[in-house]
C-alpha atoms as a PDB file:
ATOM      1  CA  MET A   1      20.499 -22.166  -7.305  1.00  0.00           C
ATOM      2  CA  THR A   2      18.771 -21.115 -10.767  1.00  0.00           C
ATOM      3  CA  LEU A   3      15.919 -20.908  -9.199  1.00  0.00           C
ATOM      4  CA  LEU A   4      16.006 -19.239  -5.583  1.00  0.00           C
ATOM      5  CA  ILE A   5      17.781 -16.405  -7.972  1.00  0.00           C
ATOM      6  CA  LEU A   6      14.345 -16.748 -10.031  1.00  0.00           C
ATOM      7  CA  GLY A   7      12.876 -16.092  -6.747  1.00  0.00           C
ATOM      8  CA  LEU A   8      14.646 -12.912  -5.588  1.00  0.00           C
ATOM      9  CA  ALA A   9      14.089 -11.713  -9.562  1.00  0.00           C
ATOM     10  CA  LEU A  10      10.207 -12.264  -9.096  1.00  0.00           C
ATOM     11  CA  TRP A  11       9.988 -10.958  -5.327  1.00  0.00           C
ATOM     12  CA  TYR A  12      11.459  -7.743  -6.426  1.00  0.00           C
ATOM     13  CA  VAL A  13       9.621  -7.086  -9.475  1.00  0.00           C
ATOM     14  CA  GLY A  14       6.331  -8.313  -7.355  1.00  0.00           C
ATOM     15  CA  HIS A  15       6.970  -5.342  -4.995  1.00  0.00           C
ATOM     16  CA  PHE A  16       9.256  -2.301  -7.222  1.00  0.00           C
ATOM     17  CA  TRP A  17       6.522  -2.833  -9.832  1.00  0.00           C
ATOM     18  CA  LYS A  18       4.008  -0.606  -8.946  1.00  0.00           C
ATOM     19  CA  ARG A  19       6.824   2.368  -8.209  1.00  0.00           C
ATOM     20  CA  ALA A  20       8.373   1.283 -11.269  1.00  0.00           C
ATOM     21  CA  LEU A  21       5.819   1.222 -13.564  1.00  0.00           C
ATOM     22  CA  PRO A  22       3.050   3.596 -12.633  1.00  0.00           C
ATOM     23  CA  ALA A  23       0.667   4.256 -14.791  1.00  0.00           C
ATOM     24  CA  GLN A  24       0.992   0.535 -15.846  1.00  0.00           C
ATOM     25  CA  HIS A  25       0.352  -0.338 -12.612  1.00  0.00           C
ATOM     26  CA  ALA A  26      -3.046   2.011 -11.952  1.00  0.00           C
ATOM     27  CA  ALA A  27      -4.452   1.358 -14.980  1.00  0.00           C
ATOM     28  CA  MET A  28      -4.274  -2.691 -13.728  1.00  0.00           C
ATOM     29  CA  ALA A  29      -6.098  -1.423 -10.711  1.00  0.00           C
ATOM     30  CA  GLU A  30      -7.188  -4.014  -8.455  1.00  0.00           C
ATOM     31  CA  ARG A  31      -5.804  -6.618 -10.906  1.00  0.00           C
ATOM     32  CA  ALA A  32      -2.598  -5.421 -10.028  1.00  0.00           C
ATOM     33  CA  LYS A  33      -2.624  -6.407  -6.293  1.00  0.00           C
ATOM     34  CA  GLY A  34      -3.816  -9.909  -7.163  1.00  0.00           C
ATOM     35  CA  LEU A  35      -0.920  -9.707  -9.921  1.00  0.00           C
ATOM     36  CA  SER A  36       1.426  -8.752  -6.403  1.00  0.00           C
ATOM     37  CA  ALA A  37       0.663 -11.126  -4.428  1.00  0.00           C
ATOM     38  CA  SER A  38       0.343 -13.871  -7.232  1.00  0.00           C
ATOM     39  CA  LEU A  39       4.777 -12.951  -7.834  1.00  0.00           C
ATOM     40  CA  ILE A  40       5.597 -12.740  -4.810  1.00  0.00           C
ATOM     41  CA  LEU A  41       3.730 -15.902  -3.358  1.00  0.00           C
ATOM     42  CA  ILE A  42       5.291 -17.687  -6.168  1.00  0.00           C
ATOM     43  CA  SER A  43       8.009 -15.608  -5.698  1.00  0.00           C
ATOM     44  CA  VAL A  44       8.550 -17.255  -2.499  1.00  0.00           C
ATOM     45  CA  ALA A  45       7.746 -21.034  -3.188  1.00  0.00           C
ATOM     46  CA  PHE A  46      10.852 -21.092  -5.797  1.00  0.00           C
ATOM     47  CA  MET A  47      12.750 -18.879  -3.189  1.00  0.00           C
ATOM     48  CA  VAL A  48      12.263 -22.322  -0.618  1.00  0.00           C
ATOM     49  CA  ILE A  49      12.790 -24.617  -3.449  1.00  0.00           C
ATOM     50  CA  GLY A  50      15.614 -23.599  -4.664  1.00  0.00           C
ATOM     51  CA  TYR A  51      17.429 -22.236  -1.791  1.00  0.00           C
ATOM     52  CA  ARG A  52      16.339 -26.488   0.247  1.00  0.00           C
ATOM     53  CA  ALA A  53      17.509 -27.544  -3.668  1.00  0.00           C
ATOM     54  CA  THR A  54      20.707 -25.618  -3.455  1.00  0.00           C
ATOM     55  CA  GLU A  55      23.806 -27.322  -2.619  1.00  0.00           C
ATOM     56  CA  SER A  56      25.774 -24.655  -0.795  1.00  0.00           C
ATOM     57  CA  PHE A  57      28.522 -25.198   1.439  1.00  0.00           C
ATOM     58  CA  ASP A  58      30.133 -22.896   5.111  1.00  0.00           C
ATOM     59  CA  LEU A  59      32.562 -19.989   4.201  1.00  0.00           C
ATOM     60  CA  HIS A  60      32.971 -19.977   7.009  1.00  0.00           C
ATOM     61  CA  ALA A  61      32.842 -21.021  10.724  1.00  0.00           C
ATOM     62  CA  TYR A  62      30.720 -18.785  13.620  1.00  0.00           C
ATOM     63  CA  PRO A  63      30.994 -18.801  17.099  1.00  0.00           C
ATOM     64  CA  PRO A  64      27.708 -21.119  18.700  1.00  0.00           C
ATOM     65  CA  ALA A  65      26.799 -18.636  20.848  1.00  0.00           C
ATOM     66  CA  LEU A  66      25.499 -16.472  17.975  1.00  0.00           C
ATOM     67  CA  ARG A  67      22.591 -18.834  17.673  1.00  0.00           C
ATOM     68  CA  HIS A  68      21.614 -16.694  21.080  1.00  0.00           C
ATOM     69  CA  VAL A  69      22.178 -13.057  19.434  1.00  0.00           C
ATOM     70  CA  ASN A  70      20.085 -14.583  16.376  1.00  0.00           C
ATOM     71  CA  ASN A  71      17.196 -15.779  18.546  1.00  0.00           C
ATOM     72  CA  LEU A  72      17.219 -12.516  20.273  1.00  0.00           C
ATOM     73  CA  MET A  73      16.296 -10.680  17.076  1.00  0.00           C
ATOM     74  CA  VAL A  74      14.402 -12.920  15.479  1.00  0.00           C
ATOM     75  CA  LEU A  75      12.050 -11.502  18.869  1.00  0.00           C
ATOM     76  CA  PHE A  76      13.046  -8.490  18.099  1.00  0.00           C
ATOM     77  CA  ALA A  77      11.963  -9.330  14.095  1.00  0.00           C
ATOM     78  CA  ILE A  78       8.459 -10.128  15.459  1.00  0.00           C
ATOM     79  CA  TYR A  79       8.299  -7.700  17.532  1.00  0.00           C
ATOM     80  CA  PHE A  80       8.858  -4.798  15.047  1.00  0.00           C
ATOM     81  CA  MET A  81       6.747  -6.403  12.287  1.00  0.00           C
ATOM     82  CA  SER A  82       3.307  -7.032  14.658  1.00  0.00           C
ATOM     83  CA  PRO A  83       1.234  -3.812  15.151  1.00  0.00           C
ATOM     84  CA  GLY A  84       2.847  -3.160  17.980  1.00  0.00           C
ATOM     85  CA  PRO A  85       5.193  -0.644  17.215  1.00  0.00           C
ATOM     86  CA  SER A  86       2.071   1.265  15.442  1.00  0.00           C
ATOM     87  CA  LYS A  87       0.502   0.927  18.809  1.00  0.00           C
ATOM     88  CA  GLY A  88       2.429   1.301  21.914  1.00  0.00           C
ATOM     89  CA  ALA A  89       4.361   3.968  23.186  1.00  0.00           C
ATOM     90  CA  LEU A  90       8.092   3.360  22.147  1.00  0.00           C
ATOM     91  CA  PHE A  91       8.365   2.918  18.879  1.00  0.00           C
ATOM     92  CA  TYR A  92       5.210   5.133  17.983  1.00  0.00           C
ATOM     93  CA  LYS A  93       8.151   7.331  15.731  1.00  0.00           C
ATOM     94  CA  MET A  94       9.361   5.009  13.435  1.00  0.00           C
ATOM     95  CA  ARG A  95       8.521   5.144   9.961  1.00  0.00           C
ATOM     96  CA  HIS A  96       9.068   0.935   9.184  1.00  0.00           C
ATOM     97  CA  PRO A  97       8.852  -0.587  11.596  1.00  0.00           C
ATOM     98  CA  MET A  98       7.533  -4.082   9.497  1.00  0.00           C
ATOM     99  CA  LEU A  99      10.715  -2.583   6.752  1.00  0.00           C
ATOM    100  CA  THR A 100      12.842  -3.160   9.922  1.00  0.00           C
ATOM    101  CA  GLY A 101      11.864  -6.111  11.865  1.00  0.00           C
ATOM    102  CA  PHE A 102      12.608  -8.099   8.019  1.00  0.00           C
ATOM    103  CA  ILE A 103      16.044  -6.301   8.183  1.00  0.00           C
ATOM    104  CA  ILE A 104      16.992  -7.405  11.712  1.00  0.00           C
ATOM    105  CA  TRP A 105      15.236 -10.476  11.028  1.00  0.00           C
ATOM    106  CA  THR A 106      17.348 -11.301   7.148  1.00  0.00           C
ATOM    107  CA  VAL A 107      20.448  -9.966   9.285  1.00  0.00           C
ATOM    108  CA  ALA A 108      19.612 -12.608  12.024  1.00  0.00           C
ATOM    109  CA  HIS A 109      19.286 -15.643  10.024  1.00  0.00           C
ATOM    110  CA  LEU A 110      23.280 -14.493   8.307  1.00  0.00           C
ATOM    111  CA  ILE A 111      25.231 -13.844  11.423  1.00  0.00           C
ATOM    112  CA  VAL A 112      24.248 -18.283  11.754  1.00  0.00           C
ATOM    113  CA  ASN A 113      23.781 -19.155   7.783  1.00  0.00           C
ATOM    114  CA  PRO A 114      28.045 -18.573   6.926  1.00  0.00           C
ATOM    115  CA  ASP A 115      27.202 -21.265   4.083  1.00  0.00           C
ATOM    116  CA  LEU A 116      26.582 -19.034  -0.052  1.00  0.00           C
ATOM    117  CA  ALA A 117      22.730 -19.835  -0.725  1.00  0.00           C
ATOM    118  CA  SER A 118      21.932 -18.348   2.575  1.00  0.00           C
ATOM    119  CA  MET A 119      24.286 -15.500   2.341  1.00  0.00           C
ATOM    120  CA  ILE A 120      22.466 -14.913  -1.217  1.00  0.00           C
ATOM    121  CA  LEU A 121      18.763 -15.236  -0.426  1.00  0.00           C
ATOM    122  CA  PHE A 122      19.553 -13.032   3.120  1.00  0.00           C
ATOM    123  CA  GLY A 123      21.503 -10.608   1.527  1.00  0.00           C
ATOM    124  CA  ALA A 124      19.220 -10.358  -1.644  1.00  0.00           C
ATOM    125  CA  LEU A 125      16.767  -9.330   1.001  1.00  0.00           C
ATOM    126  CA  THR A 126      18.309  -6.903   3.434  1.00  0.00           C
ATOM    127  CA  VAL A 127      19.362  -5.245   0.150  1.00  0.00           C
ATOM    128  CA  TRP A 128      15.259  -5.177  -0.758  1.00  0.00           C
ATOM    129  CA  ALA A 129      13.803  -3.710   2.437  1.00  0.00           C
ATOM    130  CA  VAL A 130      16.677  -1.427   2.714  1.00  0.00           C
ATOM    131  CA  LEU A 131      15.951  -0.312  -1.059  1.00  0.00           C
ATOM    132  CA  GLU A 132      11.849  -0.498  -0.097  1.00  0.00           C
ATOM    133  CA  ILE A 133      12.402   2.019   2.796  1.00  0.00           C
ATOM    134  CA  ILE A 134      14.685   3.896   0.129  1.00  0.00           C
ATOM    135  CA  ILE A 135      11.708   4.232  -2.252  1.00  0.00           C
ATOM    136  CA  ILE A 136       9.089   5.038   0.361  1.00  0.00           C
ATOM    137  CA  ASN A 137      10.489   7.788   1.793  1.00  0.00           C
ATOM    138  CA  ARG A 138      11.418   9.249  -1.660  1.00  0.00           C
ATOM    139  CA  SER A 139       7.699   8.905  -3.006  1.00  0.00           C
ATOM    140  CA  GLU A 140       6.284   9.851   0.022  1.00  0.00           C
ATOM    141  CA  PRO A 141       8.058  11.925   1.398  1.00  0.00           C
ATOM    142  CA  ASP A 142       5.339  13.881   3.842  1.00  0.00           C
ATOM    143  CA  TRP A 143       4.748  10.991   6.651  1.00  0.00           C
ATOM    144  CA  GLN A 144       3.357  12.014  10.024  1.00  0.00           C
ATOM    145  CA  PRO A 145       3.368   9.409  12.926  1.00  0.00           C
ATOM    146  CA  ASN A 146       0.839   7.062  14.423  1.00  0.00           C
ATOM    147  CA  PRO A 147      -0.655   8.624  17.393  1.00  0.00           C
ATOM    148  CA  LYS A 148       1.754   8.193  20.876  1.00  0.00           C
ATOM    149  CA  GLY A 149      -0.111   5.244  21.824  1.00  0.00           C
ATOM    150  CA  LYS A 150       0.009   3.083  25.682  1.00  0.00           C
ATOM    151  CA  ILE A 151       2.709   1.246  26.871  1.00  0.00           C
ATOM    152  CA  ALA A 152       0.929  -1.863  28.028  1.00  0.00           C
ATOM    153  CA  LYS A 153       0.255  -2.621  24.361  1.00  0.00           C
ATOM    154  CA  ASP A 154       4.507  -2.798  23.754  1.00  0.00           C
ATOM    155  CA  GLY A 155       3.881  -4.885  26.131  1.00  0.00           C
ATOM    156  CA  MET A 156       1.026  -6.710  25.107  1.00  0.00           C
ATOM    157  CA  PHE A 157       2.850  -7.542  21.813  1.00  0.00           C
ATOM    158  CA  PHE A 158       5.987  -8.092  23.032  1.00  0.00           C
ATOM    159  CA  VAL A 159       4.772 -10.911  25.114  1.00  0.00           C
ATOM    160  CA  ALA A 160       2.432 -12.433  22.268  1.00  0.00           C
ATOM    161  CA  SER A 161       6.015 -11.826  19.855  1.00  0.00           C
ATOM    162  CA  ILE A 162       7.690 -14.424  22.712  1.00  0.00           C
ATOM    163  CA  ILE A 163       4.776 -16.991  22.579  1.00  0.00           C
ATOM    164  CA  LEU A 164       5.227 -16.426  18.848  1.00  0.00           C
ATOM    165  CA  LEU A 165       8.736 -16.790  18.360  1.00  0.00           C
ATOM    166  CA  ALA A 166       8.770 -20.897  20.372  1.00  0.00           C
ATOM    167  CA  VAL A 167       5.783 -21.222  18.151  1.00  0.00           C
ATOM    168  CA  ILE A 168       7.438 -20.280  15.141  1.00  0.00           C
ATOM    169  CA  GLY A 169      11.187 -22.047  16.651  1.00  0.00           C
ATOM    170  CA  TYR A 170       9.133 -25.823  16.916  1.00  0.00           C
ATOM    171  CA  ILE A 171       7.974 -25.723  13.216  1.00  0.00           C
ATOM    172  CA  HIS A 172      11.200 -24.302  12.197  1.00  0.00           C
ATOM    173  CA  GLY A 173      12.444 -27.644  14.229  1.00  0.00           C
ATOM    174  CA  LEU A 174      10.267 -29.537  12.653  1.00  0.00           C
ATOM    175  CA  VAL A 175      11.270 -28.731   8.949  1.00  0.00           C
ATOM    176  CA  GLY A 176      14.783 -27.160   9.033  1.00  0.00           C
ATOM    177  CA  PRO A 177      17.319 -26.513  11.984  1.00  0.00           C
ATOM    178  CA  ALA A 178      15.874 -26.305  15.051  1.00  0.00           C
ATOM    179  CA  PRO A 179      16.862 -22.570  16.235  1.00  0.00           C
ATOM    180  CA  PHE A 180      16.519 -23.103  19.948  1.00  0.00           C
ATOM    181  CA  GLY A 181      18.840 -25.883  20.042  1.00  0.00           C
ATOM    182  CA  ALA A 182      18.526 -30.438  19.613  1.00  0.00           C
END
């Protein structure tokens, strides 16, 4: 559990230090990006290793139908994390589609993983994404949406999201639980 929590702490530091210590970040110029990327990469490794190594138990049971809700939510999460919302016609006024997609992804995993390690991992990542939205909105209040795109772009990225969901689901089944059933 310690490695999981350390990974989450590094994730937070890697993402927030630019706004928490702007002078130090600016002084480092290009090295700051490399440091942030390194911290985030190490944090992901720690989170994965820590999560897999943590002996955990289910805090409650969930209805099996929630697996389908999870899969649908992950489909929309993938779409929001794609360029679709900023290039299409449906969500072009959305300020944080990638962070919104990330929140949808974490919440989807919270509803089908009732164990303590999952609650800590996905709960902390959900909190991070919400805080990131708040901090960005406060530090950059004058935001303008992209120009409205074509509905065909939305369709194209949604179809790509379906294909990507199938690929991710297949790989997920090889390394962990099969999201589409056994």
